[in-house]
Amino acid sequence: MTCTIRCTKKISAFFGFFESINDQEVANALLDTAKDWIKSRGMTLMRGPASFSSNDEWGMLIEGYDDYPTLLMPYNPPYYHDLVLNYGFQKVKDLHGYKIINEKIIKVNKIPRVAALATQKYNVKIRNLDLKNYKKELELIKQIYNENWERNWGFVPLTDKEIDAMADDLKQLATPSLAFFLEIDGKPVGFSLTILDYNQIFRQMNGRLFPFNFLKMWTRKKDITRCRIILLGVSKAYHGKGFDGIMYKQIIDKADEIGIHFGDASWIVEDNEKMVRGALMMEGELYKKFRVYDYTF
């Protein structure tokens, strides 16, 4: 059982890495420890779970237990919801996960048309992530992310240390054709990151990498049929100009080329109308919900 905290100027404090048996006294002891730490520093609000922040695993699964967890998304027993409610937490926001099936998307004629018009009008070029210059590329991602997500609910800017950690974590998992920039005159104006759902392999390892399970990361990679769309954003100057359509089409085409038929678009804040419309434009089906809670004292 663990419970860690990360402070933010905006919302006072996050709690995260919450794990507990189905025992209210145990959960209360963990959460009391977090609350006391926060109160001792003059803060009055505890939000989460966030492990470590909204840039990481964010929220608690409340719907969608019939499907296994997607890579880098939270998963927890249903009773967790009761534990935090009984403690006194209240819902502050839900995060949605959409299931996107390639066979449904190809029937949507709007996406290729929007993508073609925007590409031609603005002379947009698509450039795959350069793994040889990975840290430099991540700096570009940070700039686009911090500029475009700053008004999103729960936003926390990416720090240099987080960029370094991301470089270490994702370099071995990234598929260049599914991680790409949109450029105009050589300047990045958008970025999308989709990763293969390695959980399809991990769940067969029964928690063991050795002696030979780690080899499955590479020998079974071709068997992965699912992916997760993690990031998708365009510079403010190009909002509403069809660039999202370019990204959707690129993801669809490249995923199909490598045998990916199931995409998880997670997470999207429940009242982010623009991103919800985008998920629905790709024939997305809402299949998971994650809840973020607040506790005020």
C-alpha atoms as a PDB file:
ATOM      1  CA  MET A   1       0.000   0.000   0.000  1.00  0.00           C
ATOM      2  CA  THR A   2       1.440   3.348  -0.998  1.00  0.00           C
ATOM      3  CA  CYS A   3       0.298   6.907  -1.178  1.00  0.00           C
ATOM      4  CA  THR A   4       2.474   9.722  -2.502  1.00  0.00           C
ATOM      5  CA  ILE A   5       1.922  13.424  -2.925  1.00  0.00           C
ATOM      6  CA  ARG A   6       3.042  16.029  -5.410  1.00  0.00           C
ATOM      7  CA  CYS A   7       2.441  19.704  -4.707  1.00  0.00           C
ATOM      8  CA  THR A   8       1.175  22.142  -7.337  1.00  0.00           C
ATOM      9  CA  LYS A   9       0.615  25.879  -7.115  1.00  0.00           C
ATOM     10  CA  LYS A  10      -2.660  25.571  -8.941  1.00  0.00           C
ATOM     11  CA  ILE A  11      -4.619  22.963  -6.968  1.00  0.00           C
ATOM     12  CA  SER A  12      -2.679  22.706  -3.684  1.00  0.00           C
ATOM     13  CA  ALA A  13      -1.691  19.018  -3.848  1.00  0.00           C
ATOM     14  CA  PHE A  14      -2.076  15.713  -5.665  1.00  0.00           C
ATOM     15  CA  PHE A  15      -2.262  12.337  -3.989  1.00  0.00           C
ATOM     16  CA  GLY A  16      -1.370   9.235  -5.964  1.00  0.00           C
ATOM     17  CA  PHE A  17      -0.086   5.657  -6.110  1.00  0.00           C
ATOM     18  CA  PHE A  18      -3.021   4.774  -3.900  1.00  0.00           C
ATOM     19  CA  GLU A  19      -3.312   1.052  -3.164  1.00  0.00           C
ATOM     20  CA  SER A  20      -5.437  -0.550  -0.481  1.00  0.00           C
ATOM     21  CA  ILE A  21      -7.213  -3.752   0.437  1.00  0.00           C
ATOM     22  CA  ASN A  22     -10.984  -3.488   0.746  1.00  0.00           C
ATOM     23  CA  ASP A  23     -10.834  -2.139   4.272  1.00  0.00           C
ATOM     24  CA  GLN A  24     -11.994   1.378   5.072  1.00  0.00           C
ATOM     25  CA  GLU A  25      -9.717   1.718   8.109  1.00  0.00           C
ATOM     26  CA  VAL A  26      -6.657   0.881   6.003  1.00  0.00           C
ATOM     27  CA  ALA A  27      -7.665   3.349   3.294  1.00  0.00           C
ATOM     28  CA  ASN A  28      -8.383   6.029   5.895  1.00  0.00           C
ATOM     29  CA  ALA A  29      -4.931   5.575   7.423  1.00  0.00           C
ATOM     30  CA  LEU A  30      -3.262   6.090   4.046  1.00  0.00           C
ATOM     31  CA  LEU A  31      -5.368   9.109   3.149  1.00  0.00           C
ATOM     32  CA  ASP A  32      -4.992  10.634   6.629  1.00  0.00           C
ATOM     33  CA  THR A  33      -1.222  10.493   6.192  1.00  0.00           C
ATOM     34  CA  ALA A  34      -1.497  12.339   2.898  1.00  0.00           C
ATOM     35  CA  LYS A  35      -3.938  14.870   4.343  1.00  0.00           C
ATOM     36  CA  ASP A  36      -1.753  15.580   7.370  1.00  0.00           C
ATOM     37  CA  TRP A  37       1.274  16.147   5.146  1.00  0.00           C
ATOM     38  CA  ILE A  38      -0.694  18.573   2.984  1.00  0.00           C
ATOM     39  CA  LYS A  39      -2.227  20.445   5.937  1.00  0.00           C
ATOM     40  CA  SER A  40       1.189  20.821   7.579  1.00  0.00           C
ATOM     41  CA  ARG A  41       2.264  22.832   4.531  1.00  0.00           C
ATOM     42  CA  GLY A  42      -0.704  25.180   4.666  1.00  0.00           C
ATOM     43  CA  MET A  43      -2.667  23.659   1.778  1.00  0.00           C
ATOM     44  CA  THR A  44      -6.368  22.942   1.874  1.00  0.00           C
ATOM     45  CA  LEU A  45      -7.179  20.766  -1.142  1.00  0.00           C
ATOM     46  CA  MET A  46      -6.218  17.194  -2.045  1.00  0.00           C
ATOM     47  CA  ARG A  47      -6.905  16.005  -5.629  1.00  0.00           C
ATOM     48  CA  GLY A  48      -6.343  12.696  -7.305  1.00  0.00           C
ATOM     49  CA  PRO A  49      -5.404  10.037  -7.770  1.00  0.00           C
ATOM     50  CA  ALA A  50      -2.531  11.397  -9.869  1.00  0.00           C
ATOM     51  CA  SER A  51       0.605   9.304 -10.095  1.00  0.00           C
ATOM     52  CA  PHE A  52       2.543  11.686 -10.216  1.00  0.00           C
ATOM     53  CA  SER A  53       0.466  14.376 -11.971  1.00  0.00           C
ATOM     54  CA  SER A  54      -2.011  14.790 -14.823  1.00  0.00           C
ATOM     55  CA  ASN A  55       0.942  14.099 -17.138  1.00  0.00           C
ATOM     56  CA  ASP A  56       1.056  10.552 -15.782  1.00  0.00           C
ATOM     57  CA  GLU A  57      -1.587   8.063 -14.648  1.00  0.00           C
ATOM     58  CA  TRP A  58      -4.567  10.228 -13.788  1.00  0.00           C
ATOM     59  CA  GLY A  59      -7.924   9.323 -12.286  1.00  0.00           C
ATOM     60  CA  MET A  60      -9.579   6.190 -10.943  1.00  0.00           C
ATOM     61  CA  LEU A  61     -11.333   3.670 -13.174  1.00  0.00           C
ATOM     62  CA  ILE A  62     -15.081   3.640 -12.485  1.00  0.00           C
ATOM     63  CA  GLU A  63     -16.473   2.107 -15.711  1.00  0.00           C
ATOM     64  CA  GLY A  64     -15.030  -0.330 -18.219  1.00  0.00           C
ATOM     65  CA  TYR A  65     -13.897  -3.260 -16.103  1.00  0.00           C
ATOM     66  CA  ASP A  66     -14.830  -5.716 -18.851  1.00  0.00           C
ATOM     67  CA  ASP A  67     -11.723  -4.680 -20.817  1.00  0.00           C
ATOM     68  CA  TYR A  68      -8.142  -5.059 -19.592  1.00  0.00           C
ATOM     69  CA  PRO A  69      -6.034  -1.922 -18.868  1.00  0.00           C
ATOM     70  CA  THR A  70      -4.353  -0.127 -21.735  1.00  0.00           C
ATOM     71  CA  LEU A  71      -0.676   0.765 -21.409  1.00  0.00           C
ATOM     72  CA  LEU A  72       0.012   3.690 -19.024  1.00  0.00           C
ATOM     73  CA  MET A  73      -3.651   4.002 -18.000  1.00  0.00           C
ATOM     74  CA  PRO A  74      -4.987   3.427 -14.453  1.00  0.00           C
ATOM     75  CA  TYR A  75      -6.673   0.232 -13.400  1.00  0.00           C
ATOM     76  CA  ASN A  76      -8.085  -0.504  -9.963  1.00  0.00           C
ATOM     77  CA  PRO A  77     -10.691  -2.672  -8.228  1.00  0.00           C
ATOM     78  CA  PRO A  78     -14.236  -1.250  -8.203  1.00  0.00           C
ATOM     79  CA  TYR A  79     -14.229  -0.964  -4.401  1.00  0.00           C
ATOM     80  CA  TYR A  80     -11.651   1.866  -4.561  1.00  0.00           C
ATOM     81  CA  HIS A  81     -14.483   4.194  -5.536  1.00  0.00           C
ATOM     82  CA  ASP A  82     -16.342   3.404  -2.308  1.00  0.00           C
ATOM     83  CA  LEU A  83     -13.205   3.820  -0.195  1.00  0.00           C
ATOM     84  CA  VAL A  84     -12.562   7.382  -1.355  1.00  0.00           C
ATOM     85  CA  LEU A  85     -16.235   8.392  -1.251  1.00  0.00           C
ATOM     86  CA  ASN A  86     -16.587   7.081   2.286  1.00  0.00           C
ATOM     87  CA  TYR A  87     -13.515   9.080   3.247  1.00  0.00           C
ATOM     88  CA  GLY A  88     -15.190  12.268   2.032  1.00  0.00           C
ATOM     89  CA  PHE A  89     -13.892  12.768  -1.505  1.00  0.00           C
ATOM     90  CA  GLN A  90     -16.216  14.164  -4.155  1.00  0.00           C
ATOM     91  CA  LYS A  91     -16.135  13.963  -7.929  1.00  0.00           C
ATOM     92  CA  VAL A  92     -14.463  16.924  -9.588  1.00  0.00           C
ATOM     93  CA  LYS A  93     -14.160  15.631 -13.166  1.00  0.00           C
ATOM     94  CA  ASP A  94     -14.498  12.501 -15.283  1.00  0.00           C
ATOM     95  CA  LEU A  95     -12.002  11.499 -17.954  1.00  0.00           C
ATOM     96  CA  HIS A  96     -13.255   9.477 -20.900  1.00  0.00           C
ATOM     97  CA  GLY A  97     -11.660   6.672 -22.863  1.00  0.00           C
ATOM     98  CA  TYR A  98     -12.880   6.031 -26.408  1.00  0.00           C
ATOM     99  CA  LYS A  99     -12.529   2.788 -28.342  1.00  0.00           C
ATOM    100  CA  ILE A 100     -11.742   3.373 -32.016  1.00  0.00           C
ATOM    101  CA  ILE A 101     -11.980   0.518 -34.519  1.00  0.00           C
ATOM    102  CA  ASN A 102     -10.253   0.846 -37.894  1.00  0.00           C
ATOM    103  CA  GLU A 103     -12.998  -0.972 -39.762  1.00  0.00           C
ATOM    104  CA  LYS A 104     -15.484   1.675 -38.618  1.00  0.00           C
ATOM    105  CA  ILE A 105     -13.239   4.617 -39.470  1.00  0.00           C
ATOM    106  CA  ILE A 106     -12.652   3.665 -43.085  1.00  0.00           C
ATOM    107  CA  LYS A 107     -16.375   4.124 -43.686  1.00  0.00           C
ATOM    108  CA  VAL A 108     -16.087   7.802 -42.641  1.00  0.00           C
ATOM    109  CA  ASN A 109     -15.414   9.866 -45.756  1.00  0.00           C
ATOM    110  CA  LYS A 110     -15.098  13.183 -43.926  1.00  0.00           C
ATOM    111  CA  ILE A 111     -11.639  12.568 -42.444  1.00  0.00           C
ATOM    112  CA  PRO A 112      -9.720  12.012 -45.740  1.00  0.00           C
ATOM    113  CA  ARG A 113     -11.486  14.999 -47.309  1.00  0.00           C
ATOM    114  CA  VAL A 114     -10.694  17.345 -44.413  1.00  0.00           C
ATOM    115  CA  ALA A 115      -7.099  16.112 -44.297  1.00  0.00           C
ATOM    116  CA  ALA A 116      -6.562  16.612 -48.043  1.00  0.00           C
ATOM    117  CA  LEU A 117      -7.989  20.137 -48.028  1.00  0.00           C
ATOM    118  CA  ALA A 118      -5.924  21.260 -45.021  1.00  0.00           C
ATOM    119  CA  THR A 119      -2.744  19.663 -46.355  1.00  0.00           C
ATOM    120  CA  GLN A 120      -3.071  21.398 -49.700  1.00  0.00           C
ATOM    121  CA  LYS A 121      -4.158  24.795 -48.375  1.00  0.00           C
ATOM    122  CA  TYR A 122      -1.384  25.144 -45.791  1.00  0.00           C
ATOM    123  CA  ASN A 123       1.279  22.986 -47.480  1.00  0.00           C
ATOM    124  CA  VAL A 124       1.532  20.776 -44.396  1.00  0.00           C
ATOM    125  CA  LYS A 125       4.299  18.201 -44.232  1.00  0.00           C
ATOM    126  CA  ILE A 126       4.340  15.150 -41.956  1.00  0.00           C
ATOM    127  CA  ARG A 127       7.651  14.247 -40.343  1.00  0.00           C
ATOM    128  CA  ASN A 128       8.149  11.131 -38.259  1.00  0.00           C
ATOM    129  CA  LEU A 129       9.831  11.316 -34.861  1.00  0.00           C
ATOM    130  CA  ASP A 130      13.625  11.143 -35.214  1.00  0.00           C
ATOM    131  CA  LEU A 131      14.792   8.614 -32.634  1.00  0.00           C
ATOM    132  CA  LYS A 132      18.432   9.501 -33.300  1.00  0.00           C
ATOM    133  CA  ASN A 133      17.767  12.986 -31.926  1.00  0.00           C
ATOM    134  CA  TYR A 134      15.216  11.918 -29.362  1.00  0.00           C
ATOM    135  CA  LYS A 135      15.889  14.458 -26.612  1.00  0.00           C
ATOM    136  CA  LYS A 136      15.895  17.351 -29.082  1.00  0.00           C
ATOM    137  CA  GLU A 137      12.599  16.092 -30.477  1.00  0.00           C
ATOM    138  CA  LEU A 138      11.128  15.904 -26.979  1.00  0.00           C
ATOM    139  CA  GLU A 139      11.986  19.564 -26.434  1.00  0.00           C
ATOM    140  CA  LEU A 140       9.809  20.385 -29.453  1.00  0.00           C
ATOM    141  CA  ILE A 141       7.061  18.197 -28.024  1.00  0.00           C
ATOM    142  CA  LYS A 142       7.302  20.015 -24.690  1.00  0.00           C
ATOM    143  CA  GLN A 143       6.901  23.398 -26.387  1.00  0.00           C
ATOM    144  CA  ILE A 144       3.827  22.290 -28.322  1.00  0.00           C
ATOM    145  CA  TYR A 145       2.352  20.529 -25.287  1.00  0.00           C
ATOM    146  CA  ASN A 146       2.842  23.375 -22.830  1.00  0.00           C
ATOM    147  CA  GLU A 147       1.446  25.899 -25.313  1.00  0.00           C
ATOM    148  CA  ASN A 148      -1.628  23.936 -26.315  1.00  0.00           C
ATOM    149  CA  TRP A 149      -2.680  22.160 -23.137  1.00  0.00           C
ATOM    150  CA  GLU A 150      -2.219  25.079 -20.740  1.00  0.00           C
ATOM    151  CA  ARG A 151      -5.936  25.908 -20.754  1.00  0.00           C
ATOM    152  CA  ASN A 152      -7.027  22.299 -20.353  1.00  0.00           C
ATOM    153  CA  TRP A 153      -8.524  21.322 -17.045  1.00  0.00           C
ATOM    154  CA  GLY A 154      -5.924  19.798 -14.721  1.00  0.00           C
ATOM    155  CA  PHE A 155      -2.979  20.967 -16.838  1.00  0.00           C
ATOM    156  CA  VAL A 156       0.498  20.774 -15.300  1.00  0.00           C
ATOM    157  CA  PRO A 157       3.428  21.987 -17.469  1.00  0.00           C
ATOM    158  CA  LEU A 158       6.002  19.386 -18.434  1.00  0.00           C
ATOM    159  CA  THR A 159       9.340  20.048 -16.748  1.00  0.00           C
ATOM    160  CA  ASP A 160      12.811  19.309 -18.097  1.00  0.00           C
ATOM    161  CA  LYS A 161      13.157  16.405 -15.669  1.00  0.00           C
ATOM    162  CA  GLU A 162       9.858  14.956 -16.857  1.00  0.00           C
ATOM    163  CA  ILE A 163      11.031  15.273 -20.460  1.00  0.00           C
ATOM    164  CA  ASP A 164      14.195  13.341 -19.580  1.00  0.00           C
ATOM    165  CA  ALA A 165      12.148  10.663 -17.837  1.00  0.00           C
ATOM    166  CA  MET A 166       9.796  10.459 -20.808  1.00  0.00           C
ATOM    167  CA  ALA A 167      12.783  10.033 -23.115  1.00  0.00           C
ATOM    168  CA  ASP A 168      14.020   7.073 -21.082  1.00  0.00           C
ATOM    169  CA  ASP A 169      10.591   5.470 -20.750  1.00  0.00           C
ATOM    170  CA  LEU A 170       9.297   5.839 -24.297  1.00  0.00           C
ATOM    171  CA  LYS A 171      12.386   5.551 -26.461  1.00  0.00           C
ATOM    172  CA  GLN A 172      12.180   1.767 -26.466  1.00  0.00           C
ATOM    173  CA  LEU A 173       8.398   1.777 -26.982  1.00  0.00           C
ATOM    174  CA  ALA A 174       7.920   4.477 -29.618  1.00  0.00           C
ATOM    175  CA  THR A 175       6.984   3.529 -33.178  1.00  0.00           C
ATOM    176  CA  PRO A 176       8.284   6.387 -35.392  1.00  0.00           C
ATOM    177  CA  SER A 177       5.446   6.157 -37.936  1.00  0.00           C
ATOM    178  CA  LEU A 178       2.943   6.614 -35.086  1.00  0.00           C
ATOM    179  CA  ALA A 179       4.824   9.544 -33.546  1.00  0.00           C
ATOM    180  CA  PHE A 180       4.976  12.479 -35.909  1.00  0.00           C
ATOM    181  CA  PHE A 181       5.080  16.250 -36.304  1.00  0.00           C
ATOM    182  CA  LEU A 182       3.067  18.459 -38.620  1.00  0.00           C
ATOM    183  CA  GLU A 183       5.330  21.099 -40.154  1.00  0.00           C
ATOM    184  CA  ILE A 184       4.846  24.237 -42.196  1.00  0.00           C
ATOM    185  CA  ASP A 185       7.989  25.608 -43.852  1.00  0.00           C
ATOM    186  CA  GLY A 186      10.058  23.332 -41.621  1.00  0.00           C
ATOM    187  CA  LYS A 187       8.495  24.602 -38.384  1.00  0.00           C
ATOM    188  CA  PRO A 188       6.641  22.128 -36.132  1.00  0.00           C
ATOM    189  CA  VAL A 189       3.025  23.222 -35.611  1.00  0.00           C
ATOM    190  CA  GLY A 190       1.541  19.993 -34.280  1.00  0.00           C
ATOM    191  CA  PHE A 191       2.445  16.659 -32.781  1.00  0.00           C
ATOM    192  CA  SER A 192       0.796  13.291 -32.273  1.00  0.00           C
ATOM    193  CA  LEU A 193       2.024  10.334 -30.228  1.00  0.00           C
ATOM    194  CA  THR A 194       0.465   6.898 -30.443  1.00  0.00           C
ATOM    195  CA  ILE A 195       2.109   3.878 -28.815  1.00  0.00           C
ATOM    196  CA  LEU A 196       1.532   0.181 -29.222  1.00  0.00           C
ATOM    197  CA  ASP A 197      -0.363  -1.421 -26.367  1.00  0.00           C
ATOM    198  CA  TYR A 198       2.413  -3.586 -24.941  1.00  0.00           C
ATOM    199  CA  ASN A 199      -0.006  -4.672 -22.233  1.00  0.00           C
ATOM    200  CA  GLN A 200      -1.115  -7.303 -24.733  1.00  0.00           C
ATOM    201  CA  ILE A 201       2.308  -8.858 -24.175  1.00  0.00           C
ATOM    202  CA  PHE A 202       2.838  -7.927 -20.511  1.00  0.00           C
ATOM    203  CA  ARG A 203      -0.376  -9.601 -19.381  1.00  0.00           C
ATOM    204  CA  GLN A 204       0.975 -12.924 -20.678  1.00  0.00           C
ATOM    205  CA  MET A 205       4.145 -12.648 -18.556  1.00  0.00           C
ATOM    206  CA  ASN A 206       2.410 -13.101 -15.188  1.00  0.00           C
ATOM    207  CA  GLY A 207       4.560 -10.344 -13.693  1.00  0.00           C
ATOM    208  CA  ARG A 208       7.872 -11.975 -14.627  1.00  0.00           C
ATOM    209  CA  LEU A 209      10.484 -10.630 -17.030  1.00  0.00           C
ATOM    210  CA  PHE A 210      13.087 -13.336 -16.474  1.00  0.00           C
ATOM    211  CA  PRO A 211      14.498 -15.682 -17.471  1.00  0.00           C
ATOM    212  CA  PHE A 212      13.027 -15.371 -20.975  1.00  0.00           C
ATOM    213  CA  ASN A 213       9.824 -13.321 -20.821  1.00  0.00           C
ATOM    214  CA  PHE A 214      11.644 -10.062 -21.629  1.00  0.00           C
ATOM    215  CA  LEU A 215      12.371 -11.464 -25.102  1.00  0.00           C
ATOM    216  CA  LYS A 216       8.642 -11.380 -25.841  1.00  0.00           C
ATOM    217  CA  MET A 217       8.877  -7.563 -25.972  1.00  0.00           C
ATOM    218  CA  TRP A 218      10.547  -7.964 -29.354  1.00  0.00           C
ATOM    219  CA  THR A 219       9.553 -11.401 -30.624  1.00  0.00           C
ATOM    220  CA  ARG A 220       5.815 -10.874 -29.980  1.00  0.00           C
ATOM    221  CA  LYS A 221       5.646  -7.220 -31.032  1.00  0.00           C
ATOM    222  CA  LYS A 222       4.104  -8.152 -34.376  1.00  0.00           C
ATOM    223  CA  ASP A 223       1.186  -9.765 -32.510  1.00  0.00           C
ATOM    224  CA  ILE A 224       0.056  -6.457 -30.970  1.00  0.00           C
ATOM    225  CA  THR A 225      -3.249  -5.348 -32.465  1.00  0.00           C
ATOM    226  CA  ARG A 226      -4.029  -2.404 -30.176  1.00  0.00           C
ATOM    227  CA  CYS A 227      -2.598   1.048 -29.608  1.00  0.00           C
ATOM    228  CA  ARG A 228      -3.186   4.080 -27.422  1.00  0.00           C
ATOM    229  CA  ILE A 229      -3.381   7.654 -28.707  1.00  0.00           C
ATOM    230  CA  ILE A 230      -1.572   9.591 -25.978  1.00  0.00           C
ATOM    231  CA  LEU A 231      -1.017  13.079 -27.379  1.00  0.00           C
ATOM    232  CA  LEU A 232      -2.548  15.022 -30.240  1.00  0.00           C
ATOM    233  CA  GLY A 233      -2.212  18.791 -30.428  1.00  0.00           C
ATOM    234  CA  VAL A 234      -1.810  21.699 -32.827  1.00  0.00           C
ATOM    235  CA  SER A 235      -0.390  25.169 -32.236  1.00  0.00           C
ATOM    236  CA  LYS A 236      -3.042  27.769 -31.382  1.00  0.00           C
ATOM    237  CA  ALA A 237      -2.610  29.663 -34.636  1.00  0.00           C
ATOM    238  CA  TYR A 238      -3.829  26.610 -36.563  1.00  0.00           C
ATOM    239  CA  HIS A 239      -6.778  25.558 -34.441  1.00  0.00           C
ATOM    240  CA  GLY A 240      -9.951  24.882 -36.398  1.00  0.00           C
ATOM    241  CA  LYS A 241      -8.164  24.582 -39.740  1.00  0.00           C
ATOM    242  CA  GLY A 242      -8.455  20.843 -40.264  1.00  0.00           C
ATOM    243  CA  PHE A 243      -5.054  19.836 -38.920  1.00  0.00           C
ATOM    244  CA  ASP A 244      -6.665  17.357 -36.543  1.00  0.00           C
ATOM    245  CA  GLY A 245      -8.059  15.610 -39.620  1.00  0.00           C
ATOM    246  CA  ILE A 246      -4.531  15.283 -41.017  1.00  0.00           C
ATOM    247  CA  MET A 247      -3.427  13.639 -37.776  1.00  0.00           C
ATOM    248  CA  TYR A 248      -6.421  11.305 -37.609  1.00  0.00           C
ATOM    249  CA  LYS A 249      -5.815  10.099 -41.164  1.00  0.00           C
ATOM    250  CA  GLN A 250      -2.090   9.566 -40.536  1.00  0.00           C
ATOM    251  CA  ILE A 251      -2.782   7.533 -37.393  1.00  0.00           C
ATOM    252  CA  ILE A 252      -5.433   5.459 -39.161  1.00  0.00           C
ATOM    253  CA  ASP A 253      -3.261   4.734 -42.210  1.00  0.00           C
ATOM    254  CA  LYS A 254      -0.057   3.920 -40.336  1.00  0.00           C
ATOM    255  CA  ALA A 255      -1.825   1.809 -37.725  1.00  0.00           C
ATOM    256  CA  ASP A 256      -3.514  -0.206 -40.470  1.00  0.00           C
ATOM    257  CA  GLU A 257      -0.153  -0.786 -42.194  1.00  0.00           C
ATOM    258  CA  ILE A 258       1.249  -2.551 -39.123  1.00  0.00           C
ATOM    259  CA  GLY A 259      -1.876  -4.513 -38.272  1.00  0.00           C
ATOM    260  CA  ILE A 260      -3.335  -2.300 -35.548  1.00  0.00           C
ATOM    261  CA  HIS A 261      -7.134  -2.433 -35.565  1.00  0.00           C
ATOM    262  CA  PHE A 262      -8.057  -1.150 -32.090  1.00  0.00           C
ATOM    263  CA  GLY A 263      -7.184   2.316 -30.814  1.00  0.00           C
ATOM    264  CA  ASP A 264      -7.674   3.641 -27.284  1.00  0.00           C
ATOM    265  CA  ALA A 265      -8.133   7.420 -27.226  1.00  0.00           C
ATOM    266  CA  SER A 266      -7.537   8.189 -23.563  1.00  0.00           C
ATOM    267  CA  TRP A 267      -7.964  10.292 -21.775  1.00  0.00           C
ATOM    268  CA  ILE A 268     -10.334  13.095 -22.812  1.00  0.00           C
ATOM    269  CA  VAL A 269     -11.885  15.405 -20.204  1.00  0.00           C
ATOM    270  CA  GLU A 270     -15.643  14.882 -20.231  1.00  0.00           C
ATOM    271  CA  ASP A 271     -16.461  18.506 -21.110  1.00  0.00           C
ATOM    272  CA  ASN A 272     -13.677  19.046 -23.662  1.00  0.00           C
ATOM    273  CA  GLU A 273     -16.156  19.404 -26.516  1.00  0.00           C
ATOM    274  CA  LYS A 274     -13.542  19.774 -29.243  1.00  0.00           C
ATOM    275  CA  MET A 275     -11.712  16.548 -28.403  1.00  0.00           C
ATOM    276  CA  VAL A 276     -14.972  14.672 -27.807  1.00  0.00           C
ATOM    277  CA  ARG A 277     -16.128  15.728 -31.288  1.00  0.00           C
ATOM    278  CA  GLY A 278     -12.829  14.478 -32.677  1.00  0.00           C
ATOM    279  CA  ALA A 279     -13.259  11.081 -31.024  1.00  0.00           C
ATOM    280  CA  LEU A 280     -16.803  10.821 -32.314  1.00  0.00           C
ATOM    281  CA  MET A 281     -15.678  11.859 -35.808  1.00  0.00           C
ATOM    282  CA  MET A 282     -13.474   8.763 -35.745  1.00  0.00           C
ATOM    283  CA  GLU A 283     -16.521   6.660 -34.791  1.00  0.00           C
ATOM    284  CA  GLY A 284     -15.180   6.391 -31.244  1.00  0.00           C
ATOM    285  CA  GLU A 285     -17.209   4.509 -28.653  1.00  0.00           C
ATOM    286  CA  LEU A 286     -17.070   5.627 -25.019  1.00  0.00           C
ATOM    287  CA  TYR A 287     -15.978   2.466 -23.210  1.00  0.00           C
ATOM    288  CA  LYS A 288     -14.128   3.586 -20.074  1.00  0.00           C
ATOM    289  CA  LYS A 289     -14.485   6.331 -17.485  1.00  0.00           C
ATOM    290  CA  PHE A 290     -11.924   7.523 -14.978  1.00  0.00           C
ATOM    291  CA  ARG A 291     -12.825   9.839 -12.105  1.00  0.00           C
ATOM    292  CA  VAL A 292     -10.750  12.542 -10.432  1.00  0.00           C
ATOM    293  CA  TYR A 293     -11.730  13.410  -6.866  1.00  0.00           C
ATOM    294  CA  ASP A 294     -11.276  16.412  -4.583  1.00  0.00           C
ATOM    295  CA  TYR A 295     -11.098  16.509  -0.821  1.00  0.00           C
ATOM    296  CA  THR A 296     -11.282  19.925   0.805  1.00  0.00           C
ATOM    297  CA  PHE A 297     -10.370  20.502   4.456  1.00  0.00           C
END
